[in-house]
């Protein structure tokens, strides 16, 4: 999840879903709130640990943190040195994950097309709306709002928080702060993330509990709508310059490999890209085969809001 969240265009939420931990993750995050104080008062630290599902959350966060400072660096280097191959791998991974989400839905009704289309439209529209965040003006507030939006996006399969940061012009700022341990920016960004997690996890948990299949269709729309961003052979048509000189992509033209080679004069690397697409899809199949998708009926789901 950490490596996926570091790469623009890929969502850690997608990795959580195909590995079978998505709903448990959402319900665990939701537990952080006033109810945790009540659990601690009733049963002490052991009850608090069970309430917050720390046996699940601590290893997960440790893996994300280690990845952000290790594997994510490799992913970022590949993004610069071998962008076609990296895009191909994640395109295969995300495309296969759309099939996983589709299989998770129980039954089908015609009106389920509505949340599916809403997800498709939002996935396409969100990046174009992100530069508006910069109009807030106050730098500290911009970083906090960016954290709130990015972490909310990271909880959605198919919606890349890193890509939204890129369209805000803040991707380089945040990743640079993580690399250099700039505590000022990290703290502000972290505060925004905490607000986003607290609010959005509760919304998602409620939707999954009350409207499971339509919510799955919404998530499927998000995933399908994110695929064009990962298509390896594309041409940037329109962009703007961010406040720190970053190039913020706004519009692409999607090409066939032969057209890409003619346009750029470089190899389309078709064999390598297709092979890595297959590898990405195979990883999803293997993860999904071993994923436990039984709904959790522990106190995480039993707690009343």
Protein backbone atom coordinates (compact mmCIF):
# COMPACT_ATOMS: atom_id res chain seq x y z
CA UNK A 1 0.00 0.00 0.00
CA UNK A 2 2.83 2.41 0.81
CA UNK A 3 4.55 1.86 -2.54
CA UNK A 4 1.25 2.22 -4.42
CA UNK A 5 0.34 5.43 -2.59
CA UNK A 6 3.71 6.94 -3.52
CA UNK A 7 3.10 6.51 -7.27
CA UNK A 8 0.74 9.01 -8.96
CA UNK A 9 -2.12 7.12 -10.58
CA UNK A 10 -2.21 4.18 -8.16
CA UNK A 11 -4.23 3.86 -4.96
CA UNK A 12 -3.28 2.06 -1.79
CA UNK A 13 -6.98 1.40 -1.40
CA UNK A 14 -6.80 -0.82 -4.49
CA UNK A 15 -4.06 -2.91 -2.86
CA UNK A 16 -6.11 -3.16 0.34
CA UNK A 17 -9.13 -4.36 -1.61
CA UNK A 18 -7.43 -7.04 -3.69
CA UNK A 19 -5.62 -8.37 -0.62
CA UNK A 20 -8.95 -8.78 1.21
CA UNK A 21 -8.42 -6.27 4.04
CA UNK A 22 -10.39 -3.30 2.69
CA UNK A 23 -13.55 -3.44 4.79
CA UNK A 24 -11.62 -4.34 7.94
CA UNK A 25 -9.33 -1.36 7.29
CA UNK A 26 -12.26 1.05 6.92
CA UNK A 27 -14.02 -0.24 10.02
CA UNK A 28 -10.80 -0.15 12.03
CA UNK A 29 -10.08 3.47 11.16
CA UNK A 30 -13.65 4.36 12.08
CA UNK A 31 -13.04 3.12 15.63
CA UNK A 32 -10.71 6.03 16.39
CA UNK A 33 -12.99 8.51 18.13
CA UNK A 34 -14.92 9.12 21.36
CA UNK A 35 -15.95 5.45 21.54
CA UNK A 36 -12.28 4.53 22.10
CA UNK A 37 -12.29 6.50 25.37
CA UNK A 38 -15.33 4.54 26.54
CA UNK A 39 -13.62 1.24 25.70
CA UNK A 40 -10.53 2.26 27.68
CA UNK A 41 -12.60 3.25 30.71
CA UNK A 42 -14.52 -0.04 30.65
CA UNK A 43 -11.61 -2.44 30.19
CA UNK A 44 -8.29 -0.60 30.25
CA UNK A 45 -5.54 -0.92 27.67
CA UNK A 46 -6.46 -4.45 26.59
CA UNK A 47 -10.02 -3.37 25.77
CA UNK A 48 -8.70 -0.29 23.96
CA UNK A 49 -6.33 -2.44 21.91
CA UNK A 50 -9.17 -4.76 20.91
CA UNK A 51 -11.48 -1.84 20.17
CA UNK A 52 -8.91 -0.23 17.85
CA UNK A 53 -7.95 -3.59 16.31
CA UNK A 54 -4.27 -2.79 16.87
CA UNK A 55 -3.17 -6.36 16.11
CA UNK A 56 -4.26 -5.62 12.53
CA UNK A 57 -3.48 -1.92 12.29
CA UNK A 58 0.04 -1.73 13.75
CA UNK A 59 1.65 -4.24 11.32
CA UNK A 60 -0.20 -2.60 8.42
CA UNK A 61 0.99 0.91 9.29
CA UNK A 62 4.52 -0.38 9.92
CA UNK A 63 4.55 -1.87 6.43
CA UNK A 64 3.26 1.36 4.87
CA UNK A 65 5.85 3.43 6.76
CA UNK A 66 8.75 1.16 5.81
CA UNK A 67 7.62 1.20 2.19
CA UNK A 68 7.35 4.99 2.04
CA UNK A 69 10.99 5.26 3.04
CA UNK A 70 12.30 2.30 1.01
CA UNK A 71 10.23 0.66 -1.73
CA UNK A 72 8.59 3.98 -2.60
CA UNK A 73 12.00 5.39 -3.52
CA UNK A 74 12.46 2.55 -6.01
CA UNK A 75 8.99 3.17 -7.44
CA UNK A 76 9.74 6.89 -7.83
CA UNK A 77 13.04 6.12 -9.56
CA UNK A 78 11.27 3.73 -11.93
CA UNK A 79 8.67 6.41 -12.63
CA UNK A 80 11.45 8.67 -13.92
CA UNK A 81 13.71 6.07 -15.54
CA UNK A 82 11.20 3.56 -16.94
CA UNK A 83 7.76 5.22 -16.95
CA UNK A 84 6.24 2.99 -19.65
CA UNK A 85 7.15 -0.21 -17.84
CA UNK A 86 5.92 1.06 -14.47
CA UNK A 87 2.65 2.30 -15.97
CA UNK A 88 2.20 -1.04 -17.69
CA UNK A 89 2.62 -2.95 -14.43
CA UNK A 90 0.14 -0.80 -12.53
CA UNK A 91 -2.31 -0.73 -15.46
CA UNK A 92 -2.48 -4.53 -15.36
CA UNK A 93 -2.81 -4.49 -11.58
CA UNK A 94 -5.61 -1.91 -11.49
CA UNK A 95 -7.48 -3.40 -14.48
CA UNK A 96 -7.52 -6.83 -12.84
CA UNK A 97 -8.63 -5.29 -9.55
CA UNK A 98 -11.73 -3.95 -11.33
CA UNK A 99 -12.72 -7.58 -11.93
CA UNK A 100 -12.20 -8.30 -8.23
CA UNK A 101 -14.54 -5.45 -7.24
CA UNK A 102 -17.11 -6.64 -9.77
CA UNK A 103 -17.05 -10.14 -8.30
CA UNK A 104 -17.55 -8.76 -4.79
CA UNK A 105 -21.00 -7.46 -5.70
CA UNK A 106 -23.95 -9.68 -4.85
CA UNK A 107 -26.53 -9.62 -7.60
CA UNK A 108 -27.22 -6.88 -10.09
CA UNK A 109 -29.97 -4.32 -10.59
CA UNK A 110 -30.35 -1.84 -13.41
CA UNK A 111 -30.17 1.18 -11.09
CA UNK A 112 -26.67 0.07 -9.99
CA UNK A 113 -25.54 1.75 -13.21
CA UNK A 114 -26.08 5.07 -11.41
CA UNK A 115 -23.33 4.67 -8.75
CA UNK A 116 -21.11 3.06 -11.40
CA UNK A 117 -21.43 6.12 -13.65
CA UNK A 118 -21.01 8.49 -10.69
CA UNK A 119 -17.71 6.78 -9.86
CA UNK A 120 -16.56 7.04 -13.49
CA UNK A 121 -17.41 10.74 -13.69
CA UNK A 122 -15.85 11.64 -10.34
CA UNK A 123 -12.64 9.75 -11.15
CA UNK A 124 -12.30 11.86 -14.30
CA UNK A 125 -13.41 15.17 -12.75
CA UNK A 126 -11.50 15.18 -9.44
CA UNK A 127 -7.98 15.85 -10.86
CA UNK A 128 -9.23 18.89 -12.77
CA UNK A 129 -10.76 20.34 -9.60
CA UNK A 130 -7.66 19.97 -7.42
CA UNK A 131 -5.80 23.15 -8.51
CA UNK A 132 -8.66 25.09 -6.84
CA UNK A 133 -7.16 24.08 -3.47
CA UNK A 134 -4.29 26.48 -4.13
CA UNK A 135 -6.76 29.40 -4.12
CA UNK A 136 -7.04 29.06 -0.33
CA UNK A 137 -3.87 31.14 -0.13
CA UNK A 138 -2.59 30.27 3.35
CA UNK A 139 0.26 27.78 2.83
CA UNK A 140 -0.25 25.89 6.09
CA UNK A 141 -3.98 25.52 5.44
CA UNK A 142 -3.33 24.40 1.85
CA UNK A 143 -1.04 21.60 3.09
CA UNK A 144 -3.64 20.49 5.67
CA UNK A 145 -6.50 20.49 3.13
CA UNK A 146 -4.26 18.61 0.72
CA UNK A 147 -3.63 15.97 3.39
CA UNK A 148 -7.35 15.64 4.07
CA UNK A 149 -8.16 15.16 0.37
CA UNK A 150 -5.20 12.89 -0.40
CA UNK A 151 -5.82 10.48 2.49
CA UNK A 152 -9.53 10.31 1.64
CA UNK A 153 -8.60 9.45 -1.95
CA UNK A 154 -6.13 6.81 -0.76
CA UNK A 155 -9.01 5.00 0.97
CA UNK A 156 -10.83 4.69 -2.35
CA UNK A 157 -9.77 1.89 -4.70
CA UNK A 158 -8.79 3.42 -8.02
CA UNK A 159 -8.39 7.01 -6.79
CA UNK A 160 -4.75 7.99 -6.37
CA UNK A 161 -4.02 10.41 -3.54
CA UNK A 162 -0.57 10.96 -5.03
CA UNK A 163 -2.05 11.88 -8.40
CA UNK A 164 -4.39 14.38 -6.74
CA UNK A 165 -1.38 15.86 -4.93
CA UNK A 166 0.35 16.09 -8.31
CA UNK A 167 -2.60 17.98 -9.81
CA UNK A 168 -2.53 20.33 -6.79
CA UNK A 169 1.15 20.99 -7.46
CA UNK A 170 2.07 19.65 -4.01
CA UNK A 171 3.39 16.18 -4.83
CA UNK A 172 7.03 17.27 -4.93
CA UNK A 173 6.60 19.31 -1.75
CA UNK A 174 5.14 16.44 0.27
CA UNK A 175 7.50 13.73 -1.02
CA UNK A 176 10.45 16.09 -0.52
CA UNK A 177 9.35 16.73 3.06
CA UNK A 178 9.18 12.97 3.71
CA UNK A 179 12.63 12.42 2.24
CA UNK A 180 14.22 15.27 4.20
CA UNK A 181 12.13 14.75 7.37
CA UNK A 182 10.77 18.30 7.25
CA UNK A 183 8.69 18.03 10.42
CA UNK A 184 6.81 21.28 9.84
CA UNK A 185 5.23 20.14 6.58
CA UNK A 186 4.87 16.54 7.77
CA UNK A 187 2.94 17.61 10.89
CA UNK A 188 0.59 19.89 8.93
CA UNK A 189 0.01 17.22 6.31
CA UNK A 190 -0.51 14.61 9.04
CA UNK A 191 -3.12 16.77 10.79
CA UNK A 192 -5.06 17.04 7.54
CA UNK A 193 -4.78 13.27 7.08
CA UNK A 194 -6.22 12.65 10.56
CA UNK A 195 -9.25 14.83 9.83
CA UNK A 196 -9.78 13.13 6.46
CA UNK A 197 -9.50 9.65 7.96
CA UNK A 198 -11.92 10.44 10.79
CA UNK A 199 -14.62 11.81 8.48
CA UNK A 200 -14.25 9.71 5.35
CA UNK A 201 -13.80 6.34 7.07
CA UNK A 202 -17.13 6.84 8.86
CA UNK A 203 -18.88 7.68 5.61
CA UNK A 204 -17.40 4.66 3.82
CA UNK A 205 -18.18 2.33 6.73
CA UNK A 206 -21.80 3.47 6.77
CA UNK A 207 -22.13 3.03 2.99
CA UNK A 208 -20.59 -0.46 3.05
CA UNK A 209 -22.81 -1.54 5.91
CA UNK A 210 -26.11 -0.09 4.63
CA UNK A 211 -25.63 -0.10 0.85
CA UNK A 212 -22.91 -2.66 0.15
CA UNK A 213 -23.52 -3.58 -3.49
CA UNK A 214 -24.19 -0.02 -4.77
CA UNK A 215 -21.06 1.12 -2.93
CA UNK A 216 -19.08 -1.63 -4.65
CA UNK A 217 -20.38 -0.36 -7.99
CA UNK A 218 -19.27 3.15 -7.04
CA UNK A 219 -15.79 1.81 -6.24
CA UNK A 220 -15.77 -0.08 -9.53
CA UNK A 221 -16.52 3.19 -11.32
CA UNK A 222 -13.60 4.87 -9.54
CA UNK A 223 -11.25 2.07 -10.57
CA UNK A 224 -12.39 2.00 -14.20
CA UNK A 225 -12.21 5.79 -14.36
CA UNK A 226 -8.62 5.79 -13.12
CA UNK A 227 -7.32 3.42 -15.82
CA UNK A 228 -6.68 6.10 -18.50
CA UNK A 229 -4.24 7.84 -16.15
CA UNK A 230 -2.13 4.65 -16.18
CA UNK A 231 -2.26 3.98 -19.94
CA UNK A 232 1.45 3.89 -20.84
CA UNK A 233 1.28 5.42 -24.32
CA UNK A 234 -0.08 8.93 -23.95
CA UNK A 235 0.73 12.52 -24.92
CA UNK A 236 0.39 15.45 -22.57
CA UNK A 237 -1.80 18.07 -24.24
CA UNK A 238 -2.44 20.61 -21.51
CA UNK A 239 -0.76 21.47 -18.23
CA UNK A 240 -0.17 24.33 -15.83
CA UNK A 241 2.76 25.36 -13.68
CA UNK A 242 2.34 25.01 -9.93
CA UNK A 243 3.47 27.49 -7.27
CA UNK A 244 6.89 25.84 -7.00
CA UNK A 245 7.45 25.40 -10.73
CA UNK A 246 5.99 21.89 -10.94
CA UNK A 247 4.24 20.82 -14.12
CA UNK A 248 0.63 19.85 -13.29
CA UNK A 249 -0.88 17.61 -16.01
CA UNK A 250 -4.45 18.53 -16.97
CA UNK A 251 -5.22 16.67 -20.20
CA UNK A 252 -3.75 13.71 -22.10
CA UNK A 253 -4.24 12.16 -25.53
CA UNK A 254 -4.13 8.37 -25.44
CA UNK A 255 -2.23 6.65 -28.22
CA UNK A 256 -1.56 3.24 -29.73
CA UNK A 257 2.02 1.99 -29.26
CA UNK A 258 2.92 2.59 -32.92
CA UNK A 259 1.61 6.17 -32.80
CA UNK A 260 3.53 6.78 -29.57
CA UNK A 261 6.76 5.58 -31.20
CA UNK A 262 6.23 7.85 -34.21
CA UNK A 263 5.38 10.85 -32.03
CA UNK A 264 8.27 10.51 -29.59
CA UNK A 265 10.88 8.82 -31.76
CA UNK A 266 11.47 6.37 -28.90
CA UNK A 267 10.65 2.70 -28.50
CA UNK A 268 7.14 1.90 -27.29
CA UNK A 269 8.61 -1.09 -25.39
CA UNK A 270 5.49 -3.10 -26.25
CA UNK A 271 6.84 -6.50 -25.20
CA UNK A 272 8.06 -5.27 -21.81
CA UNK A 273 4.91 -3.26 -21.11
CA UNK A 274 2.55 -6.11 -22.02
CA UNK A 275 4.61 -8.56 -19.97
CA UNK A 276 4.42 -6.31 -16.91
CA UNK A 277 0.69 -5.78 -17.44
CA UNK A 278 0.36 -9.56 -17.21
CA UNK A 279 2.54 -9.65 -14.08
CA UNK A 280 0.39 -6.98 -12.41
CA UNK A 281 -2.81 -8.87 -13.26
CA UNK A 282 -1.30 -12.15 -12.02
CA UNK A 283 -0.42 -10.59 -8.68
CA UNK A 284 -4.05 -9.51 -8.27
CA UNK A 285 -5.28 -13.01 -9.08
CA UNK A 286 -2.90 -14.59 -6.55
CA UNK A 287 -3.73 -12.08 -3.82
CA UNK A 288 -7.44 -12.42 -4.41
CA UNK A 289 -7.25 -16.20 -4.34
CA UNK A 290 -5.94 -16.11 -0.77
CA UNK A 291 -7.98 -13.15 0.42
CA UNK A 292 -10.53 -13.72 3.14
CA UNK A 293 -13.65 -11.81 2.10
CA UNK A 294 -15.96 -12.91 4.87
CA UNK A 295 -17.60 -9.86 6.51
CA UNK A 296 -16.12 -9.24 9.95
CA UNK A 297 -18.68 -9.65 12.71
CA UNK A 298 -16.47 -8.67 15.62
CA UNK A 299 -17.12 -5.65 17.77
CA UNK A 300 -15.77 -3.48 14.95
CA UNK A 301 -19.03 -3.99 13.12
CA UNK A 302 -21.16 -4.31 16.20
CA UNK A 303 -20.35 -0.92 17.70
CA UNK A 304 -23.26 1.46 17.33
CA UNK A 305 -22.53 4.92 16.00
